[in-house]
Amino acid sequence: MVNHIAFIVDGNRRWAKARGLPSFEGHRQGFLRVKELVRTGIDLDINCLTFFLFSTENWNRSSEEVSYLMRLGEQIINEEIENLHKEKVKLVHIGRKDRIPDTLALAINKGEKMTQNNLGLILNLAVDYGSKDEIVRANRKVVEKVLLGKFQASAITEEVFYSCLDTHLSPPVDILIRTSGEMRISNFLLFQIAYAELFFLPGYFPDFGPEELKKVLEEYLKRDRRMGK
């Protein structure tokens, strides 16, 4: 049983460059792949999918590219939220909302509120996300609870800490997939991937579709996950 698959979406710009296309087209195709993979996740009865779409470090890219990505994210969410709701998908944003454009934050908030009671696939969209930042924010929440007297510091467990992470609604990651041939975690879900199976694949994300996902799942089922035993 696969509960949670996480994707480091990588290679959109290189996919476009290899085809003589503007980098923006690579990002657009990447978002279309996300839509397709969500559909596949629903069909395969996966409990949770997480997509790393924009990191805390991606603000260092050109303002033109950042603005395009933010507009594209807003557009896709607004276009797809009704369909996601019909499919019982629960939309969850992980990361910070205080630095993204207000219109994107509004679209995300609307989608989260609309789908909050859905019991189907959990769809985590990581936008302005960094795992170090998430862990620091989770620590603040834990400290605040201790200071408010909700529990003693000695009562802090992994479960308590996990409940303060952005992904507290999601199970730990079973499979982490990174496309484009890069073999790095890049500050993504550092706590949640403690026992995940890692797949670093050579192709760019716009070329990663349902068939590629099924191949990963077939390989995953062959692996022996001993969890330290």
Foldseek 3Di string as FASTA:
>chain_A
DFAEEEEEADDLQVVQVVVVHHSLVSLLLLVVQVVQVVVLCLVVQHAEYEYANAELVNVPDDPVVLVSSLVSLLVCLVVCLVVCQVSLEAEAEAADDPPRDPSSSVSSVVSNVSNVPRRGHYYYYYHHHFQVVQLVQLVVVVVVCCVVVVDDPVPDDPLSSCCSGSCVVGAAHAEYEYEQQDDDPRRPPPVRCPQHDYHYYNHHSSPCHSVNVVVVVVVSVVDDRPVVD
